[in-house]
Amino acid sequence: MNTIINFLFSAIKFGTPLMLGTTGEIVTEKSGSLNLGIEGMMAMGAIIGYIVAARANDLFLGILCAFLFAAFGALIFAFLTVTLQANQNVTGLALTIFGVGLYKFIGQSLMVSGKYPAMKTALSNMIAEKPLPLLGDIPYVGKLLFSHSIFVYLAVLICVMFWIYLKYTKTGLKVRSLGENPAAADASGVNVNFMKYIHIIMGGGICGIGGLYLALVVNAGGWNDYWINGFGWISIALVIFASWSPMKAIFGSIIFGMFKALQIRSGDLAHEFPKVLGWLQSIPADFYQMLPFVVTALVLIISSMRKKKEGAQPAWCGVNYYREDR
């Protein structure tokens, strides 16, 4: 039983950055914009958030800076696509190239100069995976649900808040109207460009927090070129898998987190259940690294064949709005 709990615990751990990246993109797409720059914004938030958190020895300052710097990347996207009416697909891809390149440039420069900051004990304690009082003592459930880093609870809180915001608030209804019919929203008095700017920037900032989680928790602050490692691209597919719902993104992220967890837990599962799962040890490690991306491709194929309108992509997502054509 402990092996299964540890596997599911790892799935939640690896699913958390996907949860944040997916929710950030849902907020963006619900407002009618398609930002393919999640990977870049996560990278920007990761490197700046980590540097600030490590040097200031303050997790919350690091989260704030990760949010703001990724939001700056989203602001660039918003200016180009909303104000200048640039192609959203090309702009998003350019943002990914820019963000990942900036992340590598800053990280490598600090390593070469010997100024790369190491995590201090206080910061490590802030992000430590430790049980919550009382709840963490519940057998099995305490380990699985109440013994995570503070980031996990923050990610779930963000998902729930934006699910309520988009589904049940008046402003959320306006946001959804932008994605479905911005001309109608404009005619009813909604400031289309302003609302798009706000939600593109907000969505980008959330992605940046996911990047910081990868830097601090998954990679423990150790520098390499692969902190983000495709999590941004998987998040884009998860938006479709979650049917553009932040609440469904929680469960979808954990499912995708299982594929990542197999990379480190397949041996434990095979040893614990040799008759049923013993074959897991015979699979090359490279296959487990490839598996999340294979599933991502399958999600895209299946979603393209789905004809249900409920839970479908916002009708105006990825299409620039020209007020003069209204």
C-alpha atoms as a PDB file:
ATOM      1  CA  MET A   1       0.000   0.000   0.000  1.00  0.00           C
ATOM      2  CA  ASN A   2       2.862   2.372   0.808  1.00  0.00           C
ATOM      3  CA  THR A   3       4.241   1.870  -2.715  1.00  0.00           C
ATOM      4  CA  ILE A   4       0.928   2.938  -4.247  1.00  0.00           C
ATOM      5  CA  ILE A   5       0.694   5.943  -1.920  1.00  0.00           C
ATOM      6  CA  ASN A   6       4.240   6.996  -2.821  1.00  0.00           C
ATOM      7  CA  PHE A   7       3.431   6.660  -6.521  1.00  0.00           C
ATOM      8  CA  LEU A   8       0.285   8.799  -6.221  1.00  0.00           C
ATOM      9  CA  PHE A   9       2.187  11.281  -4.041  1.00  0.00           C
ATOM     10  CA  SER A  10       4.763  11.672  -6.832  1.00  0.00           C
ATOM     11  CA  ALA A  11       1.952  12.055  -9.373  1.00  0.00           C
ATOM     12  CA  ILE A  12       0.576  15.007  -7.417  1.00  0.00           C
ATOM     13  CA  LYS A  13       4.085  16.456  -7.104  1.00  0.00           C
ATOM     14  CA  PHE A  14       4.734  16.314 -10.857  1.00  0.00           C
ATOM     15  CA  GLY A  15       1.176  17.334 -11.671  1.00  0.00           C
ATOM     16  CA  THR A  16       1.345  20.599  -9.711  1.00  0.00           C
ATOM     17  CA  PRO A  17       3.305  22.662 -12.295  1.00  0.00           C
ATOM     18  CA  LEU A  18       0.966  21.303 -14.985  1.00  0.00           C
ATOM     19  CA  MET A  19      -1.967  22.413 -12.860  1.00  0.00           C
ATOM     20  CA  LEU A  20      -0.650  25.983 -12.764  1.00  0.00           C
ATOM     21  CA  GLY A  21       0.360  26.103 -16.426  1.00  0.00           C
ATOM     22  CA  THR A  22      -3.015  24.704 -17.503  1.00  0.00           C
ATOM     23  CA  THR A  23      -5.022  27.097 -15.339  1.00  0.00           C
ATOM     24  CA  GLY A  24      -3.009  30.064 -16.595  1.00  0.00           C
ATOM     25  CA  GLU A  25      -3.696  29.086 -20.202  1.00  0.00           C
ATOM     26  CA  ILE A  26      -7.405  28.476 -19.488  1.00  0.00           C
ATOM     27  CA  VAL A  27      -7.718  32.013 -18.130  1.00  0.00           C
ATOM     28  CA  THR A  28      -6.016  33.314 -21.278  1.00  0.00           C
ATOM     29  CA  GLU A  29      -8.079  31.251 -23.715  1.00  0.00           C
ATOM     30  CA  LYS A  30     -11.373  32.017 -21.993  1.00  0.00           C
ATOM     31  CA  SER A  31     -10.715  35.664 -22.833  1.00  0.00           C
ATOM     32  CA  GLY A  32     -10.328  34.743 -26.500  1.00  0.00           C
ATOM     33  CA  SER A  33      -6.530  34.579 -26.861  1.00  0.00           C
ATOM     34  CA  LEU A  34      -4.376  31.543 -27.628  1.00  0.00           C
ATOM     35  CA  ASN A  35      -0.941  31.911 -26.050  1.00  0.00           C
ATOM     36  CA  LEU A  36       1.458  29.132 -27.068  1.00  0.00           C
ATOM     37  CA  GLY A  37       4.202  30.738 -25.010  1.00  0.00           C
ATOM     38  CA  ILE A  38       3.532  28.829 -21.776  1.00  0.00           C
ATOM     39  CA  GLU A  39       6.924  27.115 -21.897  1.00  0.00           C
ATOM     40  CA  GLY A  40       8.645  30.491 -22.236  1.00  0.00           C
ATOM     41  CA  MET A  41       6.651  32.170 -19.468  1.00  0.00           C
ATOM     42  CA  MET A  42       7.273  29.257 -17.104  1.00  0.00           C
ATOM     43  CA  ALA A  43      10.993  29.505 -17.881  1.00  0.00           C
ATOM     44  CA  MET A  44      11.040  33.258 -17.232  1.00  0.00           C
ATOM     45  CA  GLY A  45       9.193  32.880 -13.944  1.00  0.00           C
ATOM     46  CA  ALA A  46      11.428  29.975 -12.929  1.00  0.00           C
ATOM     47  CA  ILE A  47      14.804  31.672 -13.310  1.00  0.00           C
ATOM     48  CA  ILE A  48      13.907  35.113 -11.940  1.00  0.00           C
ATOM     49  CA  GLY A  49      11.725  33.717  -9.163  1.00  0.00           C
ATOM     50  CA  TYR A  50      14.473  31.312  -8.109  1.00  0.00           C
ATOM     51  CA  ILE A  51      17.222  33.949  -8.105  1.00  0.00           C
ATOM     52  CA  VAL A  52      15.135  36.332  -5.997  1.00  0.00           C
ATOM     53  CA  ALA A  53      13.929  33.601  -3.621  1.00  0.00           C
ATOM     54  CA  ALA A  54      17.447  32.188  -3.153  1.00  0.00           C
ATOM     55  CA  ARG A  55      19.166  35.539  -2.629  1.00  0.00           C
ATOM     56  CA  ALA A  56      16.437  37.048  -0.428  1.00  0.00           C
ATOM     57  CA  ASN A  57      15.829  33.707   1.297  1.00  0.00           C
ATOM     58  CA  ASP A  58      12.121  34.460   0.948  1.00  0.00           C
ATOM     59  CA  LEU A  59       9.700  32.114  -0.821  1.00  0.00           C
ATOM     60  CA  PHE A  60       6.828  34.565  -1.112  1.00  0.00           C
ATOM     61  CA  LEU A  61       9.021  37.268  -2.623  1.00  0.00           C
ATOM     62  CA  GLY A  62      10.206  34.659  -5.119  1.00  0.00           C
ATOM     63  CA  ILE A  63       6.595  33.735  -5.982  1.00  0.00           C
ATOM     64  CA  LEU A  64       5.742  37.399  -6.485  1.00  0.00           C
ATOM     65  CA  CYS A  65       8.731  37.985  -8.773  1.00  0.00           C
ATOM     66  CA  ALA A  66       8.047  34.788 -10.727  1.00  0.00           C
ATOM     67  CA  PHE A  67       4.469  35.962 -11.266  1.00  0.00           C
ATOM     68  CA  LEU A  68       5.503  39.481 -12.289  1.00  0.00           C
ATOM     69  CA  PHE A  69       8.283  38.471 -14.683  1.00  0.00           C
ATOM     70  CA  ALA A  70       6.152  35.850 -16.425  1.00  0.00           C
ATOM     71  CA  ALA A  71       3.343  38.402 -16.520  1.00  0.00           C
ATOM     72  CA  PHE A  72       5.771  40.756 -18.272  1.00  0.00           C
ATOM     73  CA  GLY A  73       6.247  38.112 -20.957  1.00  0.00           C
ATOM     74  CA  ALA A  74       2.468  37.823 -21.252  1.00  0.00           C
ATOM     75  CA  LEU A  75       2.264  41.620 -21.513  1.00  0.00           C
ATOM     76  CA  ILE A  76       4.541  41.490 -24.555  1.00  0.00           C
ATOM     77  CA  PHE A  77       2.217  38.886 -26.065  1.00  0.00           C
ATOM     78  CA  ALA A  78      -0.843  41.020 -25.259  1.00  0.00           C
ATOM     79  CA  PHE A  79       0.664  44.158 -26.809  1.00  0.00           C
ATOM     80  CA  LEU A  80       1.605  42.356 -30.005  1.00  0.00           C
ATOM     81  CA  THR A  81      -1.650  40.432 -30.451  1.00  0.00           C
ATOM     82  CA  VAL A  82      -4.286  42.738 -28.948  1.00  0.00           C
ATOM     83  CA  THR A  83      -2.911  46.181 -29.802  1.00  0.00           C
ATOM     84  CA  LEU A  84      -0.875  45.418 -32.927  1.00  0.00           C
ATOM     85  CA  GLN A  85      -3.119  42.516 -34.048  1.00  0.00           C
ATOM     86  CA  ALA A  86      -0.162  40.178 -34.689  1.00  0.00           C
ATOM     87  CA  ASN A  87      -0.748  36.492 -35.392  1.00  0.00           C
ATOM     88  CA  GLN A  88      -1.301  34.776 -32.038  1.00  0.00           C
ATOM     89  CA  ASN A  89       0.266  31.434 -32.964  1.00  0.00           C
ATOM     90  CA  VAL A  90       3.492  32.969 -34.231  1.00  0.00           C
ATOM     91  CA  THR A  91       3.700  35.397 -31.318  1.00  0.00           C
ATOM     92  CA  GLY A  92       3.219  32.614 -28.764  1.00  0.00           C
ATOM     93  CA  LEU A  93       5.945  30.491 -30.344  1.00  0.00           C
ATOM     94  CA  ALA A  94       8.255  33.497 -30.406  1.00  0.00           C
ATOM     95  CA  LEU A  95       7.551  34.068 -26.706  1.00  0.00           C
ATOM     96  CA  THR A  96       8.534  30.469 -25.952  1.00  0.00           C
ATOM     97  CA  ILE A  97      11.826  30.861 -27.828  1.00  0.00           C
ATOM     98  CA  PHE A  98      12.487  34.193 -26.106  1.00  0.00           C
ATOM     99  CA  GLY A  99      11.593  32.978 -22.602  1.00  0.00           C
ATOM    100  CA  VAL A 100      13.558  29.716 -22.764  1.00  0.00           C
ATOM    101  CA  GLY A 101      16.533  31.510 -24.324  1.00  0.00           C
ATOM    102  CA  LEU A 102      16.486  34.188 -21.609  1.00  0.00           C
ATOM    103  CA  TYR A 103      16.252  31.517 -18.915  1.00  0.00           C
ATOM    104  CA  LYS A 104      19.282  29.660 -20.280  1.00  0.00           C
ATOM    105  CA  PHE A 105      21.270  32.855 -20.829  1.00  0.00           C
ATOM    106  CA  ILE A 106      20.738  34.100 -17.269  1.00  0.00           C
ATOM    107  CA  GLY A 107      21.335  30.693 -15.677  1.00  0.00           C
ATOM    108  CA  GLN A 108      24.472  29.888 -17.664  1.00  0.00           C
ATOM    109  CA  SER A 109      25.875  33.385 -17.127  1.00  0.00           C
ATOM    110  CA  LEU A 110      25.487  33.051 -13.368  1.00  0.00           C
ATOM    111  CA  MET A 111      27.076  29.609 -13.381  1.00  0.00           C
ATOM    112  CA  VAL A 112      30.078  30.763 -15.423  1.00  0.00           C
ATOM    113  CA  SER A 113      30.597  33.831 -13.223  1.00  0.00           C
ATOM    114  CA  GLY A 114      30.254  31.806 -10.027  1.00  0.00           C
ATOM    115  CA  LYS A 115      27.330  33.956  -8.852  1.00  0.00           C
ATOM    116  CA  TYR A 116      24.635  31.316  -9.128  1.00  0.00           C
ATOM    117  CA  PRO A 117      22.775  31.423  -5.776  1.00  0.00           C
ATOM    118  CA  ALA A 118      22.283  28.287  -3.705  1.00  0.00           C
ATOM    119  CA  MET A 119      19.184  27.632  -1.651  1.00  0.00           C
ATOM    120  CA  LYS A 120      19.558  28.404   2.024  1.00  0.00           C
ATOM    121  CA  THR A 121      18.141  26.319   4.846  1.00  0.00           C
ATOM    122  CA  ALA A 122      15.263  28.692   5.587  1.00  0.00           C
ATOM    123  CA  LEU A 123      14.070  28.603   1.978  1.00  0.00           C
ATOM    124  CA  SER A 124      14.414  24.824   1.856  1.00  0.00           C
ATOM    125  CA  ASN A 125      12.258  24.565   4.962  1.00  0.00           C
ATOM    126  CA  MET A 126       9.601  26.793   3.397  1.00  0.00           C
ATOM    127  CA  ILE A 127       9.182  24.506   0.398  1.00  0.00           C
ATOM    128  CA  ALA A 128       9.712  21.241   2.277  1.00  0.00           C
ATOM    129  CA  GLU A 129       7.211  18.430   1.829  1.00  0.00           C
ATOM    130  CA  LYS A 130       5.961  18.044   5.389  1.00  0.00           C
ATOM    131  CA  PRO A 131       2.667  16.881   6.937  1.00  0.00           C
ATOM    132  CA  LEU A 132       0.058  19.366   8.045  1.00  0.00           C
ATOM    133  CA  PRO A 133      -0.812  19.308  11.768  1.00  0.00           C
ATOM    134  CA  LEU A 134      -3.379  16.589  12.601  1.00  0.00           C
ATOM    135  CA  LEU A 135      -4.390  16.033   8.963  1.00  0.00           C
ATOM    136  CA  GLY A 136      -0.968  14.667   8.094  1.00  0.00           C
ATOM    137  CA  ASP A 137      -1.338  11.980  10.768  1.00  0.00           C
ATOM    138  CA  ILE A 138      -4.320  10.313   9.065  1.00  0.00           C
ATOM    139  CA  PRO A 139      -3.191   6.862   7.838  1.00  0.00           C
ATOM    140  CA  TYR A 140      -2.434   6.793   4.106  1.00  0.00           C
ATOM    141  CA  VAL A 141      -4.638   9.816   3.322  1.00  0.00           C
ATOM    142  CA  GLY A 142      -2.416  12.066   5.436  1.00  0.00           C
ATOM    143  CA  LYS A 143       0.669  11.094   3.433  1.00  0.00           C
ATOM    144  CA  LEU A 144      -1.135  11.301   0.094  1.00  0.00           C
ATOM    145  CA  LEU A 145      -3.047  14.583   0.462  1.00  0.00           C
ATOM    146  CA  PHE A 146      -1.679  16.514   3.431  1.00  0.00           C
ATOM    147  CA  SER A 147       2.115  16.110   3.306  1.00  0.00           C
ATOM    148  CA  HIS A 148       3.036  18.220   0.309  1.00  0.00           C
ATOM    149  CA  SER A 149       4.935  21.438  -0.294  1.00  0.00           C
ATOM    150  CA  ILE A 150       2.999  24.656   0.232  1.00  0.00           C
ATOM    151  CA  PHE A 151       3.066  25.077  -3.556  1.00  0.00           C
ATOM    152  CA  VAL A 152       0.633  22.180  -4.022  1.00  0.00           C
ATOM    153  CA  TYR A 153      -2.019  23.766  -1.814  1.00  0.00           C
ATOM    154  CA  LEU A 154      -1.458  27.126  -3.498  1.00  0.00           C
ATOM    155  CA  ALA A 155      -1.938  25.531  -6.932  1.00  0.00           C
ATOM    156  CA  VAL A 156      -5.198  23.835  -5.904  1.00  0.00           C
ATOM    157  CA  LEU A 157      -6.418  27.089  -4.343  1.00  0.00           C
ATOM    158  CA  ILE A 158      -5.666  29.000  -7.567  1.00  0.00           C
ATOM    159  CA  CYS A 159      -7.542  26.403  -9.640  1.00  0.00           C
ATOM    160  CA  VAL A 160     -10.609  26.502  -7.378  1.00  0.00           C
ATOM    161  CA  MET A 161     -10.630  30.313  -7.205  1.00  0.00           C
ATOM    162  CA  PHE A 162     -10.495  30.727 -10.983  1.00  0.00           C
ATOM    163  CA  TRP A 163     -13.089  28.004 -11.505  1.00  0.00           C
ATOM    164  CA  ILE A 164     -15.484  29.951  -9.250  1.00  0.00           C
ATOM    165  CA  TYR A 165     -14.464  33.239 -10.857  1.00  0.00           C
ATOM    166  CA  LEU A 166     -15.051  32.113 -14.443  1.00  0.00           C
ATOM    167  CA  LYS A 167     -18.185  30.082 -13.788  1.00  0.00           C
ATOM    168  CA  TYR A 168     -20.104  31.988 -11.131  1.00  0.00           C
ATOM    169  CA  THR A 169     -19.146  35.683 -11.169  1.00  0.00           C
ATOM    170  CA  LYS A 170     -20.450  38.511 -13.326  1.00  0.00           C
ATOM    171  CA  THR A 171     -16.934  39.467 -14.431  1.00  0.00           C
ATOM    172  CA  GLY A 172     -16.235  35.838 -15.256  1.00  0.00           C
ATOM    173  CA  LEU A 173     -19.289  35.820 -17.512  1.00  0.00           C
ATOM    174  CA  LYS A 174     -17.860  38.842 -19.336  1.00  0.00           C
ATOM    175  CA  VAL A 175     -14.551  37.024 -19.771  1.00  0.00           C
ATOM    176  CA  ARG A 176     -16.289  33.983 -21.244  1.00  0.00           C
ATOM    177  CA  SER A 177     -18.260  36.237 -23.589  1.00  0.00           C
ATOM    178  CA  LEU A 178     -14.948  37.549 -24.982  1.00  0.00           C
ATOM    179  CA  GLY A 179     -13.972  34.050 -25.960  1.00  0.00           C
ATOM    180  CA  GLU A 180     -17.323  33.245 -27.549  1.00  0.00           C
ATOM    181  CA  ASN A 181     -18.347  36.513 -29.193  1.00  0.00           C
ATOM    182  CA  PRO A 182     -16.251  39.636 -28.511  1.00  0.00           C
ATOM    183  CA  ALA A 183     -18.441  41.742 -30.816  1.00  0.00           C
ATOM    184  CA  ALA A 184     -21.491  41.019 -28.675  1.00  0.00           C
ATOM    185  CA  ALA A 185     -19.487  41.701 -25.516  1.00  0.00           C
ATOM    186  CA  ASP A 186     -18.275  44.985 -27.019  1.00  0.00           C
ATOM    187  CA  ALA A 187     -21.819  45.981 -27.911  1.00  0.00           C
ATOM    188  CA  SER A 188     -22.944  45.309 -24.340  1.00  0.00           C
ATOM    189  CA  GLY A 189     -20.340  47.699 -22.949  1.00  0.00           C
ATOM    190  CA  VAL A 190     -17.405  45.396 -22.140  1.00  0.00           C
ATOM    191  CA  ASN A 191     -13.994  46.972 -22.721  1.00  0.00           C
ATOM    192  CA  VAL A 192     -12.672  44.136 -24.876  1.00  0.00           C
ATOM    193  CA  ASN A 193      -9.004  45.151 -25.114  1.00  0.00           C
ATOM    194  CA  PHE A 194      -8.697  45.991 -21.424  1.00  0.00           C
ATOM    195  CA  MET A 195     -10.253  42.705 -20.340  1.00  0.00           C
ATOM    196  CA  LYS A 196      -8.027  40.762 -22.734  1.00  0.00           C
ATOM    197  CA  TYR A 197      -4.907  42.502 -21.409  1.00  0.00           C
ATOM    198  CA  ILE A 198      -5.797  41.773 -17.785  1.00  0.00           C
ATOM    199  CA  HIS A 199      -6.505  38.083 -18.291  1.00  0.00           C
ATOM    200  CA  ILE A 200      -3.583  37.421 -20.624  1.00  0.00           C
ATOM    201  CA  ILE A 201      -1.240  38.992 -18.070  1.00  0.00           C
ATOM    202  CA  MET A 202      -2.899  37.165 -15.161  1.00  0.00           C
ATOM    203  CA  GLY A 203      -2.719  33.833 -16.991  1.00  0.00           C
ATOM    204  CA  GLY A 204       0.952  34.358 -17.788  1.00  0.00           C
ATOM    205  CA  GLY A 205       1.746  35.157 -14.163  1.00  0.00           C
ATOM    206  CA  ILE A 206       0.136  31.920 -12.993  1.00  0.00           C
ATOM    207  CA  CYS A 207       2.305  29.998 -15.474  1.00  0.00           C
ATOM    208  CA  GLY A 208       5.353  31.695 -13.950  1.00  0.00           C
ATOM    209  CA  ILE A 209       4.489  30.322 -10.504  1.00  0.00           C
ATOM    210  CA  GLY A 210       4.396  26.847 -12.066  1.00  0.00           C
ATOM    211  CA  GLY A 211       7.879  27.454 -13.433  1.00  0.00           C
ATOM    212  CA  LEU A 212       9.148  28.457  -9.991  1.00  0.00           C
ATOM    213  CA  TYR A 213       7.746  25.208  -8.565  1.00  0.00           C
ATOM    214  CA  LEU A 214       9.801  23.274 -11.108  1.00  0.00           C
ATOM    215  CA  ALA A 215      12.886  25.252 -10.104  1.00  0.00           C
ATOM    216  CA  LEU A 216      12.525  24.978  -6.336  1.00  0.00           C
ATOM    217  CA  VAL A 217      10.715  21.702  -5.672  1.00  0.00           C
ATOM    218  CA  VAL A 218      11.234  19.375  -8.640  1.00  0.00           C
ATOM    219  CA  ASN A 219      14.838  20.418  -9.390  1.00  0.00           C
ATOM    220  CA  ALA A 220      15.744  21.620  -5.868  1.00  0.00           C
ATOM    221  CA  GLY A 221      17.418  24.723  -7.309  1.00  0.00           C
ATOM    222  CA  GLY A 222      20.180  22.756  -9.037  1.00  0.00           C
ATOM    223  CA  TRP A 223      21.005  24.381 -12.365  1.00  0.00           C
ATOM    224  CA  ASN A 224      20.454  22.542 -15.634  1.00  0.00           C
ATOM    225  CA  ASP A 225      19.081  23.429 -19.044  1.00  0.00           C
ATOM    226  CA  TYR A 226      15.876  21.457 -18.525  1.00  0.00           C
ATOM    227  CA  TRP A 227      13.947  22.878 -15.603  1.00  0.00           C
ATOM    228  CA  ILE A 228      10.808  23.286 -17.694  1.00  0.00           C
ATOM    229  CA  ASN A 229      11.435  20.286 -19.975  1.00  0.00           C
ATOM    230  CA  GLY A 230       8.190  20.354 -21.959  1.00  0.00           C
ATOM    231  CA  PHE A 231       5.805  21.006 -19.068  1.00  0.00           C
ATOM    232  CA  GLY A 232       4.511  24.090 -20.876  1.00  0.00           C
ATOM    233  CA  TRP A 233       3.633  22.114 -24.010  1.00  0.00           C
ATOM    234  CA  ILE A 234       1.909  19.413 -21.989  1.00  0.00           C
ATOM    235  CA  SER A 235      -0.111  22.150 -20.244  1.00  0.00           C
ATOM    236  CA  ILE A 236      -1.472  23.297 -23.598  1.00  0.00           C
ATOM    237  CA  ALA A 237      -2.788  19.787 -24.287  1.00  0.00           C
ATOM    238  CA  LEU A 238      -4.157  19.575 -20.751  1.00  0.00           C
ATOM    239  CA  VAL A 239      -6.334  22.618 -21.423  1.00  0.00           C
ATOM    240  CA  ILE A 240      -8.155  20.504 -24.004  1.00  0.00           C
ATOM    241  CA  PHE A 241      -8.145  17.420 -21.746  1.00  0.00           C
ATOM    242  CA  ALA A 242      -9.702  19.526 -18.947  1.00  0.00           C
ATOM    243  CA  SER A 243     -12.363  20.965 -21.296  1.00  0.00           C
ATOM    244  CA  TRP A 244     -11.291  24.517 -20.388  1.00  0.00           C
ATOM    245  CA  SER A 245     -12.260  24.016 -16.731  1.00  0.00           C
ATOM    246  CA  PRO A 246      -9.771  24.889 -13.937  1.00  0.00           C
ATOM    247  CA  MET A 247     -11.442  22.340 -11.662  1.00  0.00           C
ATOM    248  CA  LYS A 248     -10.990  19.516 -14.169  1.00  0.00           C
ATOM    249  CA  ALA A 249      -7.414  20.715 -14.640  1.00  0.00           C
ATOM    250  CA  ILE A 250      -6.652  19.516 -11.095  1.00  0.00           C
ATOM    251  CA  PHE A 251      -7.544  15.917 -11.904  1.00  0.00           C
ATOM    252  CA  GLY A 252      -6.118  16.027 -15.430  1.00  0.00           C
ATOM    253  CA  SER A 253      -2.794  17.273 -14.095  1.00  0.00           C
ATOM    254  CA  ILE A 254      -2.571  14.438 -11.595  1.00  0.00           C
ATOM    255  CA  ILE A 255      -3.261  11.890 -14.364  1.00  0.00           C
ATOM    256  CA  PHE A 256      -0.452  13.356 -16.475  1.00  0.00           C
ATOM    257  CA  GLY A 257       1.670  13.528 -13.337  1.00  0.00           C
ATOM    258  CA  MET A 258       1.356   9.745 -13.110  1.00  0.00           C
ATOM    259  CA  PHE A 259       3.179   9.364 -16.414  1.00  0.00           C
ATOM    260  CA  LYS A 260       6.009  11.511 -15.063  1.00  0.00           C
ATOM    261  CA  ALA A 261       5.997   9.594 -11.771  1.00  0.00           C
ATOM    262  CA  LEU A 262       6.526   6.326 -13.633  1.00  0.00           C
ATOM    263  CA  GLN A 263      10.031   7.543 -14.495  1.00  0.00           C
ATOM    264  CA  ILE A 264      11.083   7.244 -10.856  1.00  0.00           C
ATOM    265  CA  ARG A 265       8.519   4.830  -9.374  1.00  0.00           C
ATOM    266  CA  SER A 266       8.232   2.101 -12.032  1.00  0.00           C
ATOM    267  CA  GLY A 267      10.905   0.008 -10.308  1.00  0.00           C
ATOM    268  CA  ASP A 268       9.117   0.204  -6.946  1.00  0.00           C
ATOM    269  CA  LEU A 269       5.815  -0.826  -8.508  1.00  0.00           C
ATOM    270  CA  ALA A 270       7.432  -3.735 -10.357  1.00  0.00           C
ATOM    271  CA  HIS A 271       9.150  -4.928  -7.170  1.00  0.00           C
ATOM    272  CA  GLU A 272       5.987  -4.628  -5.058  1.00  0.00           C
ATOM    273  CA  PHE A 273       3.675  -6.297  -7.581  1.00  0.00           C
ATOM    274  CA  PRO A 274       5.969  -8.587  -9.625  1.00  0.00           C
ATOM    275  CA  LYS A 275       3.178 -10.745 -11.089  1.00  0.00           C
ATOM    276  CA  VAL A 276       1.066  -7.835 -12.293  1.00  0.00           C
ATOM    277  CA  LEU A 277       3.558  -5.020 -12.896  1.00  0.00           C
ATOM    278  CA  GLY A 278       6.877  -6.829 -13.163  1.00  0.00           C
ATOM    279  CA  TRP A 279       7.009  -5.977 -16.868  1.00  0.00           C
ATOM    280  CA  LEU A 280       7.523  -2.313 -16.003  1.00  0.00           C
ATOM    281  CA  GLN A 281      11.214  -2.975 -15.294  1.00  0.00           C
ATOM    282  CA  SER A 282      11.794  -4.287 -18.807  1.00  0.00           C
ATOM    283  CA  ILE A 283      10.709  -0.981 -20.378  1.00  0.00           C
ATOM    284  CA  PRO A 284      13.602   1.407 -21.214  1.00  0.00           C
ATOM    285  CA  ALA A 285      13.785   4.591 -19.140  1.00  0.00           C
ATOM    286  CA  ASP A 286      13.653   6.671 -22.325  1.00  0.00           C
ATOM    287  CA  PHE A 287      10.143   5.369 -22.985  1.00  0.00           C
ATOM    288  CA  TYR A 288       8.896   6.782 -19.678  1.00  0.00           C
ATOM    289  CA  GLN A 289      10.385  10.166 -20.580  1.00  0.00           C
ATOM    290  CA  MET A 290       8.588  10.026 -23.914  1.00  0.00           C
ATOM    291  CA  LEU A 291       5.256   8.765 -22.515  1.00  0.00           C
ATOM    292  CA  PRO A 292       3.727  12.119 -21.415  1.00  0.00           C
ATOM    293  CA  PHE A 293       4.285  13.552 -24.892  1.00  0.00           C
ATOM    294  CA  VAL A 294       2.796  10.482 -26.571  1.00  0.00           C
ATOM    295  CA  VAL A 295      -0.309  10.833 -24.404  1.00  0.00           C
ATOM    296  CA  THR A 296      -0.373  14.554 -25.221  1.00  0.00           C
ATOM    297  CA  ALA A 297      -0.491  13.732 -28.932  1.00  0.00           C
ATOM    298  CA  LEU A 298      -3.285  11.199 -28.329  1.00  0.00           C
ATOM    299  CA  VAL A 299      -5.304  13.806 -26.412  1.00  0.00           C
ATOM    300  CA  LEU A 300      -5.003  16.219 -29.329  1.00  0.00           C
ATOM    301  CA  ILE A 301      -6.084  13.540 -31.821  1.00  0.00           C
ATOM    302  CA  ILE A 302      -9.078  12.422 -29.753  1.00  0.00           C
ATOM    303  CA  SER A 303     -10.166  16.000 -29.016  1.00  0.00           C
ATOM    304  CA  SER A 304     -10.097  16.852 -32.724  1.00  0.00           C
ATOM    305  CA  MET A 305     -12.675  14.101 -33.345  1.00  0.00           C
ATOM    306  CA  ARG A 306     -14.953  15.200 -30.512  1.00  0.00           C
ATOM    307  CA  LYS A 307     -18.114  16.921 -31.733  1.00  0.00           C
ATOM    308  CA  LYS A 308     -19.651  17.896 -28.408  1.00  0.00           C
ATOM    309  CA  LYS A 309     -20.134  21.639 -28.022  1.00  0.00           C
ATOM    310  CA  GLU A 310     -20.136  21.467 -24.240  1.00  0.00           C
ATOM    311  CA  GLY A 311     -16.632  21.911 -22.895  1.00  0.00           C
ATOM    312  CA  ALA A 312     -15.344  22.901 -26.332  1.00  0.00           C
ATOM    313  CA  GLN A 313     -12.746  25.523 -27.136  1.00  0.00           C
ATOM    314  CA  PRO A 314     -14.052  29.114 -26.993  1.00  0.00           C
ATOM    315  CA  ALA A 315     -15.297  29.986 -30.483  1.00  0.00           C
ATOM    316  CA  TRP A 316     -13.127  33.116 -30.802  1.00  0.00           C
ATOM    317  CA  CYS A 317      -9.977  31.651 -29.249  1.00  0.00           C
ATOM    318  CA  GLY A 318      -6.912  32.505 -31.324  1.00  0.00           C
ATOM    319  CA  VAL A 319      -8.778  34.925 -33.586  1.00  0.00           C
ATOM    320  CA  ASN A 320      -7.938  38.638 -33.458  1.00  0.00           C
ATOM    321  CA  TYR A 321     -10.866  40.977 -32.882  1.00  0.00           C
ATOM    322  CA  TYR A 322     -11.196  43.955 -35.219  1.00  0.00           C
ATOM    323  CA  ARG A 323     -13.720  46.368 -33.777  1.00  0.00           C
ATOM    324  CA  GLU A 324     -14.216  48.000 -37.162  1.00  0.00           C
ATOM    325  CA  ASP A 325     -15.680  44.763 -38.516  1.00  0.00           C
ATOM    326  CA  ARG A 326     -18.383  44.592 -35.853  1.00  0.00           C
END
